[in-house]
């Protein structure tokens, strides 16, 4: 990890790299939790064209980049829900996830000054990370379309 990390809004040209980053982390850490239906659903959700389409609607994506390579990303829906948060394995445990969340919350508050609560549907793997970031579980584990998740929120 020799390159300095910088943070910015995702540009359309970043979508393929962001998708590849997400899928690499997903395959390593989360895929075993999902049924094949869930894997297929998740893959469709993180295709580059799907990510770009959501950013033109009610989502925004911030990326952490080392050089020109995305090493972390966060996607926020409607300024109050973490849709995706992934950091490349080699860059984990260096504060990138925390920085992405902090920058995303700053942006969300700029769009919604009354923001009081942010939610996430976490994978089992992500629960300890989100707990360190101040999220608390708000309900039991659920499964929708083969995707297992634990609902969490941060005040």
C-alpha atoms as a PDB file:
ATOM      1  CA  UNK A   1       0.000   0.000   0.000  1.00  0.00           C
ATOM      2  CA  UNK A   2       2.367   2.659  -1.240  1.00  0.00           C
ATOM      3  CA  UNK A   3      -0.043   5.057  -3.003  1.00  0.00           C
ATOM      4  CA  UNK A   4      -1.748   7.801  -1.030  1.00  0.00           C
ATOM      5  CA  UNK A   5      -5.525   7.478  -0.897  1.00  0.00           C
ATOM      6  CA  UNK A   6      -7.783  10.320  -1.991  1.00  0.00           C
ATOM      7  CA  UNK A   7     -11.571  10.599  -1.908  1.00  0.00           C
ATOM      8  CA  UNK A   8     -13.997  11.944  -4.480  1.00  0.00           C
ATOM      9  CA  UNK A   9     -17.375  11.529  -6.099  1.00  0.00           C
ATOM     10  CA  UNK A  10     -17.475   8.595  -8.495  1.00  0.00           C
ATOM     11  CA  UNK A  11     -17.187   9.596 -12.136  1.00  0.00           C
ATOM     12  CA  UNK A  12     -18.910   7.562 -14.894  1.00  0.00           C
ATOM     13  CA  UNK A  13     -15.536   6.183 -16.031  1.00  0.00           C
ATOM     14  CA  UNK A  14     -15.048   4.725 -12.524  1.00  0.00           C
ATOM     15  CA  UNK A  15     -18.105   2.453 -12.655  1.00  0.00           C
ATOM     16  CA  UNK A  16     -16.347  -0.617 -14.093  1.00  0.00           C
ATOM     17  CA  UNK A  17     -13.504  -0.401 -11.563  1.00  0.00           C
ATOM     18  CA  UNK A  18     -15.932   0.175  -8.699  1.00  0.00           C
ATOM     19  CA  UNK A  19     -17.991  -2.830  -9.799  1.00  0.00           C
ATOM     20  CA  UNK A  20     -14.858  -5.012  -9.978  1.00  0.00           C
ATOM     21  CA  UNK A  21     -13.798  -3.865  -6.486  1.00  0.00           C
ATOM     22  CA  UNK A  22     -17.228  -4.716  -5.070  1.00  0.00           C
ATOM     23  CA  UNK A  23     -17.351  -8.137  -6.708  1.00  0.00           C
ATOM     24  CA  UNK A  24     -13.850  -9.088  -5.563  1.00  0.00           C
ATOM     25  CA  UNK A  25     -14.708  -8.291  -1.935  1.00  0.00           C
ATOM     26  CA  UNK A  26     -18.154  -9.846  -2.219  1.00  0.00           C
ATOM     27  CA  UNK A  27     -16.768 -13.090  -3.627  1.00  0.00           C
ATOM     28  CA  UNK A  28     -14.154 -13.351  -0.885  1.00  0.00           C
ATOM     29  CA  UNK A  29     -16.160 -12.366   2.168  1.00  0.00           C
ATOM     30  CA  UNK A  30     -19.921 -12.473   1.558  1.00  0.00           C
ATOM     31  CA  UNK A  31     -20.805 -14.853  -1.256  1.00  0.00           C
ATOM     32  CA  UNK A  32     -20.819 -17.973   0.986  1.00  0.00           C
ATOM     33  CA  UNK A  33     -23.749 -16.441   2.938  1.00  0.00           C
ATOM     34  CA  UNK A  34     -25.940 -16.173  -0.164  1.00  0.00           C
ATOM     35  CA  UNK A  35     -27.969 -18.630  -2.184  1.00  0.00           C
ATOM     36  CA  UNK A  36     -27.346 -18.696  -5.952  1.00  0.00           C
ATOM     37  CA  UNK A  37     -30.444 -16.517  -6.318  1.00  0.00           C
ATOM     38  CA  UNK A  38     -28.833 -13.982  -3.978  1.00  0.00           C
ATOM     39  CA  UNK A  39     -25.493 -14.093  -5.805  1.00  0.00           C
ATOM     40  CA  UNK A  40     -27.230 -13.460  -9.126  1.00  0.00           C
ATOM     41  CA  UNK A  41     -29.322 -10.635  -7.659  1.00  0.00           C
ATOM     42  CA  UNK A  42     -26.264  -8.993  -6.106  1.00  0.00           C
ATOM     43  CA  UNK A  43     -24.264  -9.242  -9.334  1.00  0.00           C
ATOM     44  CA  UNK A  44     -27.054  -7.529 -11.261  1.00  0.00           C
ATOM     45  CA  UNK A  45     -27.195  -4.768  -8.626  1.00  0.00           C
ATOM     46  CA  UNK A  46     -23.465  -3.990  -8.921  1.00  0.00           C
ATOM     47  CA  UNK A  47     -23.096  -4.081 -12.703  1.00  0.00           C
ATOM     48  CA  UNK A  48     -21.458  -0.831 -13.892  1.00  0.00           C
ATOM     49  CA  UNK A  49     -24.546   0.280 -15.805  1.00  0.00           C
ATOM     50  CA  UNK A  50     -26.746  -0.327 -12.734  1.00  0.00           C
ATOM     51  CA  UNK A  51     -24.438   1.727 -10.506  1.00  0.00           C
ATOM     52  CA  UNK A  52     -24.386   4.583 -13.016  1.00  0.00           C
ATOM     53  CA  UNK A  53     -28.181   4.487 -13.395  1.00  0.00           C
ATOM     54  CA  UNK A  54     -28.671   4.782  -9.617  1.00  0.00           C
ATOM     55  CA  UNK A  55     -26.315   7.773  -9.410  1.00  0.00           C
ATOM     56  CA  UNK A  56     -28.544   9.579 -11.896  1.00  0.00           C
ATOM     57  CA  UNK A  57     -31.551   8.885  -9.666  1.00  0.00           C
ATOM     58  CA  UNK A  58     -31.482   9.116  -5.855  1.00  0.00           C
ATOM     59  CA  UNK A  59     -28.059   7.639  -5.006  1.00  0.00           C
ATOM     60  CA  UNK A  60     -24.536   8.995  -4.806  1.00  0.00           C
ATOM     61  CA  UNK A  61     -21.230   7.130  -4.760  1.00  0.00           C
ATOM     62  CA  UNK A  62     -17.944   8.236  -3.235  1.00  0.00           C
ATOM     63  CA  UNK A  63     -14.719   6.438  -4.041  1.00  0.00           C
ATOM     64  CA  UNK A  64     -11.363   6.105  -2.332  1.00  0.00           C
ATOM     65  CA  UNK A  65      -8.650   5.923  -4.971  1.00  0.00           C
ATOM     66  CA  UNK A  66      -4.959   5.060  -4.846  1.00  0.00           C
ATOM     67  CA  UNK A  67      -3.443   6.469  -7.998  1.00  0.00           C
ATOM     68  CA  UNK A  68      -6.254   5.926 -10.480  1.00  0.00           C
ATOM     69  CA  UNK A  69      -7.512   2.680  -8.953  1.00  0.00           C
ATOM     70  CA  UNK A  70     -10.648   2.508  -6.771  1.00  0.00           C
ATOM     71  CA  UNK A  71      -9.727   0.874  -3.449  1.00  0.00           C
ATOM     72  CA  UNK A  72     -12.914   1.694  -1.569  1.00  0.00           C
ATOM     73  CA  UNK A  73     -16.432   2.878  -2.246  1.00  0.00           C
ATOM     74  CA  UNK A  74     -19.663   3.837  -0.549  1.00  0.00           C
ATOM     75  CA  UNK A  75     -23.073   4.227  -2.131  1.00  0.00           C
ATOM     76  CA  UNK A  76     -25.785   6.170  -0.326  1.00  0.00           C
ATOM     77  CA  UNK A  77     -29.479   5.951  -1.233  1.00  0.00           C
ATOM     78  CA  UNK A  78     -31.824   8.877  -0.594  1.00  0.00           C
ATOM     79  CA  UNK A  79     -29.218  10.497   1.667  1.00  0.00           C
ATOM     80  CA  UNK A  80     -30.088   8.134   4.526  1.00  0.00           C
ATOM     81  CA  UNK A  81     -29.205   4.516   3.648  1.00  0.00           C
ATOM     82  CA  UNK A  82     -25.835   2.874   3.030  1.00  0.00           C
ATOM     83  CA  UNK A  83     -26.535   0.731  -0.035  1.00  0.00           C
ATOM     84  CA  UNK A  84     -22.931  -0.491  -0.470  1.00  0.00           C
ATOM     85  CA  UNK A  85     -19.646  -0.058   1.398  1.00  0.00           C
ATOM     86  CA  UNK A  86     -16.586  -2.013   0.254  1.00  0.00           C
ATOM     87  CA  UNK A  87     -12.840  -1.624   0.731  1.00  0.00           C
ATOM     88  CA  UNK A  88     -10.212  -3.621  -1.147  1.00  0.00           C
ATOM     89  CA  UNK A  89      -8.690  -6.334   1.046  1.00  0.00           C
ATOM     90  CA  UNK A  90      -5.194  -4.784   0.870  1.00  0.00           C
ATOM     91  CA  UNK A  91      -6.547  -1.439   2.087  1.00  0.00           C
ATOM     92  CA  UNK A  92      -8.728  -2.680   4.945  1.00  0.00           C
ATOM     93  CA  UNK A  93      -7.919  -1.691   8.551  1.00  0.00           C
ATOM     94  CA  UNK A  94      -6.485   1.675   7.492  1.00  0.00           C
ATOM     95  CA  UNK A  95      -9.550   3.841   8.189  1.00  0.00           C
ATOM     96  CA  UNK A  96     -10.802   4.003   4.589  1.00  0.00           C
ATOM     97  CA  UNK A  97     -14.288   2.677   5.398  1.00  0.00           C
ATOM     98  CA  UNK A  98     -14.599   5.106   8.290  1.00  0.00           C
ATOM     99  CA  UNK A  99     -13.423   8.002   6.115  1.00  0.00           C
ATOM    100  CA  UNK A 100     -15.838   7.060   3.320  1.00  0.00           C
ATOM    101  CA  UNK A 101     -18.750   6.916   5.768  1.00  0.00           C
ATOM    102  CA  UNK A 102     -17.777  10.249   7.326  1.00  0.00           C
ATOM    103  CA  UNK A 103     -17.514  11.976   3.948  1.00  0.00           C
ATOM    104  CA  UNK A 104     -20.772  10.395   2.772  1.00  0.00           C
ATOM    105  CA  UNK A 105     -22.610  11.553   5.901  1.00  0.00           C
ATOM    106  CA  UNK A 106     -21.266  15.078   5.399  1.00  0.00           C
ATOM    107  CA  UNK A 107     -22.638  15.037   1.846  1.00  0.00           C
ATOM    108  CA  UNK A 108     -25.950  13.529   2.982  1.00  0.00           C
ATOM    109  CA  UNK A 109     -26.345  16.232   5.654  1.00  0.00           C
ATOM    110  CA  UNK A 110     -25.620  18.916   3.047  1.00  0.00           C
ATOM    111  CA  UNK A 111     -28.592  17.558   1.072  1.00  0.00           C
ATOM    112  CA  UNK A 112     -30.773  16.894   4.143  1.00  0.00           C
ATOM    113  CA  UNK A 113     -30.013  19.099   7.137  1.00  0.00           C
ATOM    114  CA  UNK A 114     -32.580  17.198   9.248  1.00  0.00           C
ATOM    115  CA  UNK A 115     -30.808  13.870   8.802  1.00  0.00           C
ATOM    116  CA  UNK A 116     -30.999  12.102  12.167  1.00  0.00           C
ATOM    117  CA  UNK A 117     -30.670   8.416  11.282  1.00  0.00           C
ATOM    118  CA  UNK A 118     -28.803   6.375   8.687  1.00  0.00           C
ATOM    119  CA  UNK A 119     -29.608   2.729   7.984  1.00  0.00           C
ATOM    120  CA  UNK A 120     -27.815  -0.212   6.387  1.00  0.00           C
ATOM    121  CA  UNK A 121     -28.688  -3.815   5.604  1.00  0.00           C
ATOM    122  CA  UNK A 122     -25.419  -5.466   6.585  1.00  0.00           C
ATOM    123  CA  UNK A 123     -24.040  -8.833   5.629  1.00  0.00           C
ATOM    124  CA  UNK A 124     -22.983 -11.002   8.562  1.00  0.00           C
ATOM    125  CA  UNK A 125     -19.382 -10.233   7.641  1.00  0.00           C
ATOM    126  CA  UNK A 126     -20.027  -6.491   7.834  1.00  0.00           C
ATOM    127  CA  UNK A 127     -21.766  -6.373  11.218  1.00  0.00           C
ATOM    128  CA  UNK A 128     -18.577  -5.917  13.324  1.00  0.00           C
ATOM    129  CA  UNK A 129     -17.386  -3.182  10.957  1.00  0.00           C
ATOM    130  CA  UNK A 130     -20.669  -1.300  11.117  1.00  0.00           C
ATOM    131  CA  UNK A 131     -20.744  -1.688  14.917  1.00  0.00           C
ATOM    132  CA  UNK A 132     -17.325  -0.006  15.093  1.00  0.00           C
ATOM    133  CA  UNK A 133     -18.779   2.777  12.938  1.00  0.00           C
ATOM    134  CA  UNK A 134     -21.606   3.346  15.434  1.00  0.00           C
ATOM    135  CA  UNK A 135     -24.409   1.279  13.900  1.00  0.00           C
ATOM    136  CA  UNK A 136     -26.635  -0.937  16.035  1.00  0.00           C
ATOM    137  CA  UNK A 137     -28.774  -3.875  14.984  1.00  0.00           C
ATOM    138  CA  UNK A 138     -32.453  -2.934  14.663  1.00  0.00           C
ATOM    139  CA  UNK A 139     -34.017  -6.293  13.838  1.00  0.00           C
ATOM    140  CA  UNK A 140     -33.382  -9.966  13.172  1.00  0.00           C
ATOM    141  CA  UNK A 141     -31.495 -11.303  10.170  1.00  0.00           C
ATOM    142  CA  UNK A 142     -33.669 -11.440   7.058  1.00  0.00           C
ATOM    143  CA  UNK A 143     -33.439 -12.863   3.569  1.00  0.00           C
ATOM    144  CA  UNK A 144     -34.891 -11.235   0.463  1.00  0.00           C
ATOM    145  CA  UNK A 145     -34.301 -12.678  -3.018  1.00  0.00           C
ATOM    146  CA  UNK A 146     -31.538 -14.896  -1.606  1.00  0.00           C
ATOM    147  CA  UNK A 147     -29.691 -11.974   0.005  1.00  0.00           C
ATOM    148  CA  UNK A 148     -29.205 -12.335   3.768  1.00  0.00           C
ATOM    149  CA  UNK A 149     -28.841  -9.180   5.820  1.00  0.00           C
ATOM    150  CA  UNK A 150     -29.051  -7.716   9.285  1.00  0.00           C
ATOM    151  CA  UNK A 151     -30.835  -4.332   9.509  1.00  0.00           C
ATOM    152  CA  UNK A 152     -28.815  -1.734  11.391  1.00  0.00           C
ATOM    153  CA  UNK A 153     -29.015   2.001  12.069  1.00  0.00           C
ATOM    154  CA  UNK A 154     -26.824   4.851  13.282  1.00  0.00           C
ATOM    155  CA  UNK A 155     -28.278   7.898  15.002  1.00  0.00           C
END
